[in-house]
PDB file of N, CA and C in Angstrom:
ATOM      1  N   UNK A   1       0.877  -1.399   0.178  1.00  0.00           N
ATOM      2  CA  UNK A   1      -0.470  -0.088  -0.078  1.00  0.00           C
ATOM      3  C   UNK A   1       0.662   0.666   0.384  1.00  0.00           C
ATOM      4  N   UNK A   2       1.933   1.349   0.429  1.00  0.00           N
ATOM      5  CA  UNK A   2       3.166   2.290   0.605  1.00  0.00           C
ATOM      6  C   UNK A   2       3.671   2.338  -0.710  1.00  0.00           C
ATOM      7  N   UNK A   3       3.595   1.538  -1.520  1.00  0.00           N
ATOM      8  CA  UNK A   3       4.300   2.333  -2.183  1.00  0.00           C
ATOM      9  C   UNK A   3       3.408   2.215  -3.723  1.00  0.00           C
ATOM     10  N   UNK A   4       2.210   2.896  -3.466  1.00  0.00           N
ATOM     11  CA  UNK A   4       1.205   2.782  -4.370  1.00  0.00           C
ATOM     12  C   UNK A   4       0.835   4.484  -4.068  1.00  0.00           C
ATOM     13  N   UNK A   5       1.344   4.300  -2.680  1.00  0.00           N
ATOM     14  CA  UNK A   5       0.640   6.185  -2.079  1.00  0.00           C
ATOM     15  C   UNK A   5       2.109   7.209  -2.301  1.00  0.00           C
ATOM     16  N   UNK A   6       2.817   6.457  -2.309  1.00  0.00           N
ATOM     17  CA  UNK A   6       4.500   7.004  -2.704  1.00  0.00           C
ATOM     18  C   UNK A   6       4.048   7.529  -4.465  1.00  0.00           C
ATOM     19  N   UNK A   7       2.769   7.394  -5.003  1.00  0.00           N
ATOM     20  CA  UNK A   7       2.450   7.612  -6.730  1.00  0.00           C
ATOM     21  C   UNK A   7       1.455   8.587  -6.287  1.00  0.00           C
ATOM     22  N   UNK A   8       0.995   9.223  -5.758  1.00  0.00           N
ATOM     23  CA  UNK A   8      -0.420  10.120  -5.675  1.00  0.00           C
ATOM     24  C   UNK A   8       0.795  11.391  -5.725  1.00  0.00           C
ATOM     25  N   UNK A   9      -0.177  12.359  -6.192  1.00  0.00           N
ATOM     26  CA  UNK A   9       0.315  13.653  -5.885  1.00  0.00           C
ATOM     27  C   UNK A   9      -0.370  14.239  -4.721  1.00  0.00           C
ATOM     28  N   UNK A  10       0.428  15.490  -4.154  1.00  0.00           N
ATOM     29  CA  UNK A  10       0.516  15.552  -2.945  1.00  0.00           C
ATOM     30  C   UNK A  10      -1.228  16.182  -2.718  1.00  0.00           C
ATOM     31  N   UNK A  11      -1.628  17.173  -3.798  1.00  0.00           N
ATOM     32  CA  UNK A  11      -3.210  17.548  -4.255  1.00  0.00           C
ATOM     33  C   UNK A  11      -4.455  16.262  -4.234  1.00  0.00           C
ATOM     34  N   UNK A  12      -4.281  15.321  -4.688  1.00  0.00           N
ATOM     35  CA  UNK A  12      -5.089  14.235  -4.595  1.00  0.00           C
ATOM     36  C   UNK A  12      -5.109  13.941  -2.976  1.00  0.00           C
ATOM     37  N   UNK A  13      -3.523  13.834  -2.223  1.00  0.00           N
ATOM     38  CA  UNK A  13      -3.422  13.000  -0.924  1.00  0.00           C
ATOM     39  C   UNK A  13      -4.190  14.270   0.172  1.00  0.00           C
ATOM     40  N   UNK A  14      -3.977  14.972  -0.139  1.00  0.00           N
ATOM     41  CA  UNK A  14      -4.652  16.429   0.288  1.00  0.00           C
ATOM     42  C   UNK A  14      -6.470  16.471   0.708  1.00  0.00           C
ATOM     43  N   UNK A  15      -6.821  16.261  -0.734  1.00  0.00           N
ATOM     44  CA  UNK A  15      -8.595  15.690  -0.171  1.00  0.00           C
ATOM     45  C   UNK A  15      -8.546  14.298   0.273  1.00  0.00           C
ATOM     46  N   UNK A  16      -7.883  13.685  -0.393  1.00  0.00           N
ATOM     47  CA  UNK A  16      -8.770  11.841   0.906  1.00  0.00           C
ATOM     48  C   UNK A  16      -8.468  12.529   2.279  1.00  0.00           C
ATOM     49  N   UNK A  17      -7.556  13.572   2.475  1.00  0.00           N
ATOM     50  CA  UNK A  17      -7.308  13.176   4.271  1.00  0.00           C
ATOM     51  C   UNK A  17      -8.856  14.264   4.841  1.00  0.00           C
ATOM     52  N   UNK A  18      -9.127  15.226   3.408  1.00  0.00           N
ATOM     53  CA  UNK A  18      -9.983  15.690   4.407  1.00  0.00           C
ATOM     54  C   UNK A  18     -11.750  15.639   3.695  1.00  0.00           C
ATOM     55  N   UNK A  19     -11.731  14.727   2.860  1.00  0.00           N
ATOM     56  CA  UNK A  19     -12.469  13.406   2.577  1.00  0.00           C
ATOM     57  C   UNK A  19     -12.670  12.476   3.874  1.00  0.00           C
ATOM     58  N   UNK A  20     -11.638  11.964   4.972  1.00  0.00           N
ATOM     59  CA  UNK A  20     -12.103  11.228   5.677  1.00  0.00           C
ATOM     60  C   UNK A  20     -12.574  12.378   6.944  1.00  0.00           C
ATOM     61  N   UNK A  21     -11.958  12.713   6.728  1.00  0.00           N
ATOM     62  CA  UNK A  21     -11.037  13.980   8.045  1.00  0.00           C
ATOM     63  C   UNK A  21     -11.806  15.098   8.445  1.00  0.00           C
ATOM     64  N   UNK A  22     -12.512  15.606   7.138  1.00  0.00           N
ATOM     65  CA  UNK A  22     -13.870  16.875   7.542  1.00  0.00           C
ATOM     66  C   UNK A  22     -12.536  18.245   8.180  1.00  0.00           C
ATOM     67  N   UNK A  23     -12.904  18.764   8.853  1.00  0.00           N
ATOM     68  CA  UNK A  23     -11.928  19.427   9.196  1.00  0.00           C
ATOM     69  C   UNK A  23     -10.882  19.316  10.162  1.00  0.00           C
ATOM     70  N   UNK A  24     -11.324  17.928  10.535  1.00  0.00           N
ATOM     71  CA  UNK A  24      -9.509  16.701  11.532  1.00  0.00           C
ATOM     72  C   UNK A  24      -8.929  16.613  10.984  1.00  0.00           C
ATOM     73  N   UNK A  25      -7.528  15.989  11.456  1.00  0.00           N
ATOM     74  CA  UNK A  25      -6.319  16.162  10.735  1.00  0.00           C
ATOM     75  C   UNK A  25      -5.757  14.753  12.106  1.00  0.00           C
ATOM     76  N   UNK A  26      -5.381  13.553  11.728  1.00  0.00           N
ATOM     77  CA  UNK A  26      -4.536  13.040  12.789  1.00  0.00           C
ATOM     78  C   UNK A  26      -4.399  13.564  13.752  1.00  0.00           C
ATOM     79  N   UNK A  27      -3.073  14.156  13.000  1.00  0.00           N
ATOM     80  CA  UNK A  27      -2.435  15.905  14.488  1.00  0.00           C
ATOM     81  C   UNK A  27      -3.306  16.216  15.752  1.00  0.00           C
ATOM     82  N   UNK A  28      -4.699  16.245  15.241  1.00  0.00           N
ATOM     83  CA  UNK A  28      -5.542  16.647  15.875  1.00  0.00           C
ATOM     84  C   UNK A  28      -5.058  15.665  17.326  1.00  0.00           C
ATOM     85  N   UNK A  29      -4.808  14.308  16.895  1.00  0.00           N
ATOM     86  CA  UNK A  29      -5.330  13.589  17.291  1.00  0.00           C
ATOM     87  C   UNK A  29      -4.384  13.851  18.888  1.00  0.00           C
ATOM     88  N   UNK A  30      -4.131  13.445  20.536  1.00  0.00           N
ATOM     89  CA  UNK A  30      -2.951  13.344  21.557  1.00  0.00           C
ATOM     90  C   UNK A  30      -2.353  11.883  21.210  1.00  0.00           C
ATOM     91  N   UNK A  31      -1.397  12.534  22.375  1.00  0.00           N
ATOM     92  CA  UNK A  31      -0.979  11.102  21.992  1.00  0.00           C
ATOM     93  C   UNK A  31      -0.913   9.924  22.712  1.00  0.00           C
ATOM     94  N   UNK A  32      -2.213  10.144  23.611  1.00  0.00           N
ATOM     95  CA  UNK A  32      -2.628   8.662  24.370  1.00  0.00           C
ATOM     96  C   UNK A  32      -3.418   7.923  23.122  1.00  0.00           C
ATOM     97  N   UNK A  33      -4.138   8.933  22.365  1.00  0.00           N
ATOM     98  CA  UNK A  33      -4.809   8.349  21.504  1.00  0.00           C
ATOM     99  C   UNK A  33      -3.976   7.131  20.220  1.00  0.00           C
ATOM    100  N   UNK A  34      -3.714   8.586  20.064  1.00  0.00           N
ATOM    101  CA  UNK A  34      -2.589   7.920  19.230  1.00  0.00           C
ATOM    102  C   UNK A  34      -2.229   6.366  19.456  1.00  0.00           C
ATOM    103  N   UNK A  35      -2.201   6.444  20.170  1.00  0.00           N
ATOM    104  CA  UNK A  35      -0.885   5.248  21.057  1.00  0.00           C
ATOM    105  C   UNK A  35      -1.838   3.881  20.828  1.00  0.00           C
ATOM    106  N   UNK A  36      -2.938   4.511  21.306  1.00  0.00           N
ATOM    107  CA  UNK A  36      -4.253   2.963  20.856  1.00  0.00           C
ATOM    108  C   UNK A  36      -4.335   2.423  19.768  1.00  0.00           C
ATOM    109  N   UNK A  37      -4.564   3.362  19.004  1.00  0.00           N
ATOM    110  CA  UNK A  37      -5.143   3.419  17.824  1.00  0.00           C
ATOM    111  C   UNK A  37      -4.446   2.820  17.227  1.00  0.00           C
ATOM    112  N   UNK A  38      -2.606   3.035  17.261  1.00  0.00           N
ATOM    113  CA  UNK A  38      -1.575   1.903  16.089  1.00  0.00           C
ATOM    114  C   UNK A  38      -1.275   0.749  17.822  1.00  0.00           C
ATOM    115  N   UNK A  39      -1.798   0.587  18.732  1.00  0.00           N
ATOM    116  CA  UNK A  39      -0.892  -0.835  19.532  1.00  0.00           C
ATOM    117  C   UNK A  39      -2.605  -1.377  19.013  1.00  0.00           C
ATOM    118  N   UNK A  40      -4.094  -0.862  18.904  1.00  0.00           N
ATOM    119  CA  UNK A  40      -5.302  -1.333  18.120  1.00  0.00           C
ATOM    120  C   UNK A  40      -5.527  -2.045  16.980  1.00  0.00           C
ATOM    121  N   UNK A  41      -4.184  -1.929  16.088  1.00  0.00           N
ATOM    122  CA  UNK A  41      -3.797  -2.023  14.905  1.00  0.00           C
ATOM    123  C   UNK A  41      -2.760  -3.309  14.923  1.00  0.00           C
ATOM    124  N   UNK A  42      -2.068  -2.821  16.206  1.00  0.00           N
ATOM    125  CA  UNK A  42      -0.756  -4.086  16.077  1.00  0.00           C
ATOM    126  C   UNK A  42      -1.250  -5.062  16.760  1.00  0.00           C
ATOM    127  N   UNK A  43      -2.642  -5.091  17.425  1.00  0.00           N
ATOM    128  CA  UNK A  43      -2.986  -6.617  17.779  1.00  0.00           C
ATOM    129  C   UNK A  43      -4.457  -6.532  16.907  1.00  0.00           C
ATOM    130  N   UNK A  44      -4.272  -6.250  15.414  1.00  0.00           N
ATOM    131  CA  UNK A  44      -5.450  -7.130  14.539  1.00  0.00           C
ATOM    132  C   UNK A  44      -6.720  -6.929  15.353  1.00  0.00           C
ATOM    133  N   UNK A  45      -7.559  -5.692  15.486  1.00  0.00           N
ATOM    134  CA  UNK A  45      -8.336  -4.909  15.376  1.00  0.00           C
ATOM    135  C   UNK A  45      -9.026  -5.856  16.835  1.00  0.00           C
ATOM    136  N   UNK A  46      -8.296  -6.379  18.483  1.00  0.00           N
ATOM    137  CA  UNK A  46      -8.490  -6.880  19.150  1.00  0.00           C
ATOM    138  C   UNK A  46      -9.188  -6.550  20.469  1.00  0.00           C
ATOM    139  N   UNK A  47     -10.195  -6.216  20.320  1.00  0.00           N
ATOM    140  CA  UNK A  47      -9.223  -5.353  21.587  1.00  0.00           C
ATOM    141  C   UNK A  47      -9.546  -6.041  23.523  1.00  0.00           C
ATOM    142  N   UNK A  48      -9.941  -7.035  23.009  1.00  0.00           N
ATOM    143  CA  UNK A  48      -9.461  -7.226  25.121  1.00  0.00           C
ATOM    144  C   UNK A  48      -7.929  -7.564  24.631  1.00  0.00           C
ATOM    145  N   UNK A  49      -6.925  -7.770  23.807  1.00  0.00           N
ATOM    146  CA  UNK A  49      -6.152  -8.119  23.212  1.00  0.00           C
ATOM    147  C   UNK A  49      -4.943  -6.603  24.064  1.00  0.00           C
ATOM    148  N   UNK A  50      -5.470  -6.042  22.651  1.00  0.00           N
ATOM    149  CA  UNK A  50      -5.051  -4.141  22.839  1.00  0.00           C
ATOM    150  C   UNK A  50      -5.694  -3.904  24.232  1.00  0.00           C
ATOM    151  N   UNK A  51      -5.850  -3.644  24.884  1.00  0.00           N
ATOM    152  CA  UNK A  51      -6.782  -3.446  26.232  1.00  0.00           C
ATOM    153  C   UNK A  51      -5.346  -4.361  27.657  1.00  0.00           C
ATOM    154  N   UNK A  52      -4.943  -5.214  27.099  1.00  0.00           N
ATOM    155  CA  UNK A  52      -4.143  -5.954  28.008  1.00  0.00           C
ATOM    156  C   UNK A  52      -2.617  -5.247  28.051  1.00  0.00           C
ATOM    157  N   UNK A  53      -2.602  -5.351  26.431  1.00  0.00           N
ATOM    158  CA  UNK A  53      -1.298  -4.709  26.405  1.00  0.00           C
ATOM    159  C   UNK A  53      -0.962  -3.269  26.736  1.00  0.00           C
ATOM    160  N   UNK A  54      -2.060  -2.244  26.420  1.00  0.00           N
ATOM    161  CA  UNK A  54      -1.653  -1.231  27.017  1.00  0.00           C
ATOM    162  C   UNK A  54      -2.748  -0.689  28.708  1.00  0.00           C
ATOM    163  N   UNK A  55      -2.591  -2.200  29.326  1.00  0.00           N
ATOM    164  CA  UNK A  55      -3.012  -1.985  30.441  1.00  0.00           C
ATOM    165  C   UNK A  55      -4.172  -1.186  31.801  1.00  0.00           C
ATOM    166  N   UNK A  56      -5.047  -1.335  30.365  1.00  0.00           N
ATOM    167  CA  UNK A  56      -6.311  -0.395  30.911  1.00  0.00           C
ATOM    168  C   UNK A  56      -7.334  -1.654  30.692  1.00  0.00           C
ATOM    169  N   UNK A  57      -8.124  -1.456  31.209  1.00  0.00           N
ATOM    170  CA  UNK A  57      -9.644  -2.113  31.098  1.00  0.00           C
ATOM    171  C   UNK A  57     -10.022  -1.863  29.639  1.00  0.00           C
ATOM    172  N   UNK A  58     -10.926  -2.991  30.151  1.00  0.00           N
ATOM    173  CA  UNK A  58     -11.193  -3.093  28.279  1.00  0.00           C
ATOM    174  C   UNK A  58     -12.512  -2.244  27.883  1.00  0.00           C
ATOM    175  N   UNK A  59     -13.177  -1.714  29.361  1.00  0.00           N
ATOM    176  CA  UNK A  59     -14.013  -1.041  28.623  1.00  0.00           C
ATOM    177  C   UNK A  59     -13.506   0.770  28.695  1.00  0.00           C
ATOM    178  N   UNK A  60     -12.402   0.770  29.226  1.00  0.00           N
ATOM    179  CA  UNK A  60     -11.694   2.053  28.762  1.00  0.00           C
ATOM    180  C   UNK A  60     -11.179   2.047  27.644  1.00  0.00           C
ATOM    181  N   UNK A  61     -11.248   1.506  26.496  1.00  0.00           N
ATOM    182  CA  UNK A  61     -10.159   1.058  25.309  1.00  0.00           C
ATOM    183  C   UNK A  61     -11.473   1.012  24.238  1.00  0.00           C
ATOM    184  N   UNK A  62     -12.946   0.660  25.232  1.00  0.00           N
ATOM    185  CA  UNK A  62     -13.692   0.867  24.031  1.00  0.00           C
ATOM    186  C   UNK A  62     -14.217   2.121  24.662  1.00  0.00           C
ATOM    187  N   UNK A  63     -14.593   2.939  25.623  1.00  0.00           N
ATOM    188  CA  UNK A  63     -15.008   4.703  25.818  1.00  0.00           C
ATOM    189  C   UNK A  63     -13.985   5.283  24.381  1.00  0.00           C
ATOM    190  N   UNK A  64     -12.412   4.359  24.762  1.00  0.00           N
ATOM    191  CA  UNK A  64     -11.807   5.815  23.832  1.00  0.00           C
ATOM    192  C   UNK A  64     -12.132   5.559  22.317  1.00  0.00           C
ATOM    193  N   UNK A  65     -12.907   4.409  21.868  1.00  0.00           N
ATOM    194  CA  UNK A  65     -12.836   3.639  20.796  1.00  0.00           C
ATOM    195  C   UNK A  65     -13.835   4.677  20.085  1.00  0.00           C
ATOM    196  N   UNK A  66     -15.106   4.758  20.678  1.00  0.00           N
ATOM    197  CA  UNK A  66     -16.168   5.244  21.038  1.00  0.00           C
ATOM    198  C   UNK A  66     -16.009   7.144  20.791  1.00  0.00           C
ATOM    199  N   UNK A  67     -15.385   7.117  21.797  1.00  0.00           N
ATOM    200  CA  UNK A  67     -15.093   8.754  21.436  1.00  0.00           C
ATOM    201  C   UNK A  67     -14.065   9.404  20.371  1.00  0.00           C
ATOM    202  N   UNK A  68     -13.045   8.497  19.396  1.00  0.00           N
ATOM    203  CA  UNK A  68     -12.504   8.651  18.369  1.00  0.00           C
ATOM    204  C   UNK A  68     -13.569   8.681  16.675  1.00  0.00           C
ATOM    205  N   UNK A  69     -14.783   7.977  17.743  1.00  0.00           N
ATOM    206  CA  UNK A  69     -15.714   7.509  16.310  1.00  0.00           C
ATOM    207  C   UNK A  69     -16.852   8.740  16.328  1.00  0.00           C
ATOM    208  N   UNK A  70     -17.433   9.428  17.887  1.00  0.00           N
ATOM    209  CA  UNK A  70     -17.656  10.467  17.551  1.00  0.00           C
ATOM    210  C   UNK A  70     -16.758  12.050  16.478  1.00  0.00           C
ATOM    211  N   UNK A  71     -15.525  11.589  17.227  1.00  0.00           N
ATOM    212  CA  UNK A  71     -14.892  12.471  16.212  1.00  0.00           C
ATOM    213  C   UNK A  71     -14.208  12.917  15.168  1.00  0.00           C
ATOM    214  N   UNK A  72     -14.381  11.455  14.645  1.00  0.00           N
ATOM    215  CA  UNK A  72     -13.860  10.951  12.918  1.00  0.00           C
ATOM    216  C   UNK A  72     -15.062  10.722  12.263  1.00  0.00           C
ATOM    217  N   UNK A  73     -15.929   9.987  12.736  1.00  0.00           N
ATOM    218  CA  UNK A  73     -17.109   9.608  11.933  1.00  0.00           C
ATOM    219  C   UNK A  73     -16.624   8.101  11.552  1.00  0.00           C
ATOM    220  N   UNK A  74     -15.100   7.258  12.009  1.00  0.00           N
ATOM    221  CA  UNK A  74     -15.283   6.053  12.034  1.00  0.00           C
ATOM    222  C   UNK A  74     -14.926   4.804  13.105  1.00  0.00           C
ATOM    223  N   UNK A  75     -16.111   4.231  13.070  1.00  0.00           N
ATOM    224  CA  UNK A  75     -15.633   3.140  13.990  1.00  0.00           C
ATOM    225  C   UNK A  75     -14.457   2.451  13.698  1.00  0.00           C
ATOM    226  N   UNK A  76     -12.955   1.859  14.534  1.00  0.00           N
ATOM    227  CA  UNK A  76     -12.107   1.289  14.042  1.00  0.00           C
ATOM    228  C   UNK A  76     -12.502  -0.241  14.088  1.00  0.00           C
ATOM    229  N   UNK A  77     -13.632  -0.829  15.339  1.00  0.00           N
ATOM    230  CA  UNK A  77     -13.749  -2.512  15.271  1.00  0.00           C
ATOM    231  C   UNK A  77     -14.754  -2.822  14.017  1.00  0.00           C
ATOM    232  N   UNK A  78     -14.480  -1.669  12.726  1.00  0.00           N
ATOM    233  CA  UNK A  78     -15.375  -1.922  11.677  1.00  0.00           C
ATOM    234  C   UNK A  78     -14.237  -1.320  10.557  1.00  0.00           C
ATOM    235  N   UNK A  79     -13.725  -3.385  10.129  1.00  0.00           N
ATOM    236  CA  UNK A  79     -12.637  -3.848   8.906  1.00  0.00           C
ATOM    237  C   UNK A  79     -12.143  -2.347   7.992  1.00  0.00           C
ATOM    238  N   UNK A  80     -13.349  -1.158   7.551  1.00  0.00           N
ATOM    239  CA  UNK A  80     -13.617  -1.400   6.451  1.00  0.00           C
ATOM    240  C   UNK A  80     -12.770   0.095   6.989  1.00  0.00           C
ATOM    241  N   UNK A  81     -12.990   0.442   8.467  1.00  0.00           N
ATOM    242  CA  UNK A  81     -13.208   1.658   8.628  1.00  0.00           C
ATOM    243  C   UNK A  81     -11.498   1.938   9.419  1.00  0.00           C
ATOM    244  N   UNK A  82     -11.499   0.991  10.196  1.00  0.00           N
ATOM    245  CA  UNK A  82     -10.542   0.364  10.781  1.00  0.00           C
ATOM    246  C   UNK A  82      -8.601   0.756   9.050  1.00  0.00           C
ATOM    247  N   UNK A  83      -9.293   0.125   8.206  1.00  0.00           N
ATOM    248  CA  UNK A  83      -7.874   0.414   6.607  1.00  0.00           C
ATOM    249  C   UNK A  83      -8.536   1.483   6.262  1.00  0.00           C
ATOM    250  N   UNK A  84      -8.932   2.380   6.079  1.00  0.00           N
ATOM    251  CA  UNK A  84      -9.561   3.659   5.694  1.00  0.00           C
ATOM    252  C   UNK A  84      -8.497   4.752   7.055  1.00  0.00           C
ATOM    253  N   UNK A  85      -8.712   4.609   8.246  1.00  0.00           N
ATOM    254  CA  UNK A  85      -8.573   4.886   8.989  1.00  0.00           C
ATOM    255  C   UNK A  85      -6.180   5.134   8.583  1.00  0.00           C
ATOM    256  N   UNK A  86      -6.612   3.298   8.834  1.00  0.00           N
ATOM    257  CA  UNK A  86      -4.940   3.607   9.065  1.00  0.00           C
ATOM    258  C   UNK A  86      -4.350   3.979   7.305  1.00  0.00           C
ATOM    259  N   UNK A  87      -4.535   3.297   5.965  1.00  0.00           N
ATOM    260  CA  UNK A  87      -4.460   4.448   5.278  1.00  0.00           C
ATOM    261  C   UNK A  87      -4.405   5.857   5.749  1.00  0.00           C
ATOM    262  N   UNK A  88      -5.034   6.556   5.777  1.00  0.00           N
ATOM    263  CA  UNK A  88      -5.355   7.505   6.075  1.00  0.00           C
ATOM    264  C   UNK A  88      -3.708   8.335   6.618  1.00  0.00           C
ATOM    265  N   UNK A  89      -3.016   7.352   7.755  1.00  0.00           N
ATOM    266  CA  UNK A  89      -2.816   7.709   8.754  1.00  0.00           C
ATOM    267  C   UNK A  89      -1.407   8.128   7.937  1.00  0.00           C
ATOM    268  N   UNK A  90      -1.306   6.538   6.722  1.00  0.00           N
ATOM    269  CA  UNK A  90       0.277   6.292   6.193  1.00  0.00           C
ATOM    270  C   UNK A  90       0.576   7.528   4.804  1.00  0.00           C
ATOM    271  N   UNK A  91      -0.871   8.241   4.462  1.00  0.00           N
ATOM    272  CA  UNK A  91      -0.865   9.538   3.517  1.00  0.00           C
ATOM    273  C   UNK A  91       0.092  10.074   4.499  1.00  0.00           C
ATOM    274  N   UNK A  92      -0.978  10.802   5.659  1.00  0.00           N
ATOM    275  CA  UNK A  92      -0.670  11.730   6.200  1.00  0.00           C
ATOM    276  C   UNK A  92       1.138  12.247   6.754  1.00  0.00           C
ATOM    277  N   UNK A  93       1.744  10.579   6.687  1.00  0.00           N
ATOM    278  CA  UNK A  93       2.886  10.606   7.018  1.00  0.00           C
ATOM    279  C   UNK A  93       4.386  10.347   5.592  1.00  0.00           C
ATOM    280  N   UNK A  94       3.448  10.272   4.695  1.00  0.00           N
ATOM    281  CA  UNK A  94       3.918  10.329   3.347  1.00  0.00           C
ATOM    282  C   UNK A  94       4.065  12.253   3.127  1.00  0.00           C
ATOM    283  N   UNK A  95       2.820  13.006   2.999  1.00  0.00           N
ATOM    284  CA  UNK A  95       3.140  14.197   2.818  1.00  0.00           C
ATOM    285  C   UNK A  95       3.700  14.626   4.129  1.00  0.00           C
ATOM    286  N   UNK A  96       3.700  13.572   5.066  1.00  0.00           N
ATOM    287  CA  UNK A  96       4.842  14.934   6.087  1.00  0.00           C
ATOM    288  C   UNK A  96       6.371  14.557   5.909  1.00  0.00           C
ATOM    289  N   UNK A  97       6.915  13.634   4.665  1.00  0.00           N
ATOM    290  CA  UNK A  97       8.006  13.249   4.873  1.00  0.00           C
ATOM    291  C   UNK A  97       7.851  13.467   3.713  1.00  0.00           C
ATOM    292  N   UNK A  98       7.436  14.177   2.679  1.00  0.00           N
ATOM    293  CA  UNK A  98       7.531  15.128   1.170  1.00  0.00           C
ATOM    294  C   UNK A  98       7.047  16.742   1.432  1.00  0.00           C
ATOM    295  N   UNK A  99       7.507  16.928   3.016  1.00  0.00           N
ATOM    296  CA  UNK A  99       7.400  18.148   2.787  1.00  0.00           C
ATOM    297  C   UNK A  99       9.478  18.434   3.270  1.00  0.00           C
ATOM    298  N   UNK A 100      10.060  17.459   3.799  1.00  0.00           N
ATOM    299  CA  UNK A 100      11.373  17.950   4.420  1.00  0.00           C
ATOM    300  C   UNK A 100      11.730  17.521   3.098  1.00  0.00           C
ATOM    301  N   UNK A 101      11.638  16.862   2.537  1.00  0.00           N
ATOM    302  CA  UNK A 101      12.364  16.951   0.913  1.00  0.00           C
ATOM    303  C   UNK A 101      11.997  17.650   0.153  1.00  0.00           C
ATOM    304  N   UNK A 102      10.951  18.910  -0.266  1.00  0.00           N
ATOM    305  CA  UNK A 102      11.024  20.214  -0.633  1.00  0.00           C
ATOM    306  C   UNK A 102      10.805  21.368   0.142  1.00  0.00           C
ATOM    307  N   UNK A 103      12.253  21.384   1.581  1.00  0.00           N
ATOM    308  CA  UNK A 103      12.666  22.696   1.544  1.00  0.00           C
ATOM    309  C   UNK A 103      14.248  21.612   2.021  1.00  0.00           C
TER     310      UNK A 103
END
């Protein structure tokens, strides 16, 4: 997927990020939320295992995922939403990388 993203022009990437997040971006999320999301992806969208690895109660993780859903409109427990979010994170990373090269 990364190879495909690296072929995209930056204006198209920006349009995709706006479509996915609206006025928000992944950069608006706090470190705790980003850590939670990354662990959730790392443990294959498994709520029980992710909460165990983060040393938090399962309901705390569910609360964080619900809060993220209210903010972004994406429910990471649904595969399609999770893959959209993951690709969006990769696109943002690519855009940051391209900014550093241009300067």
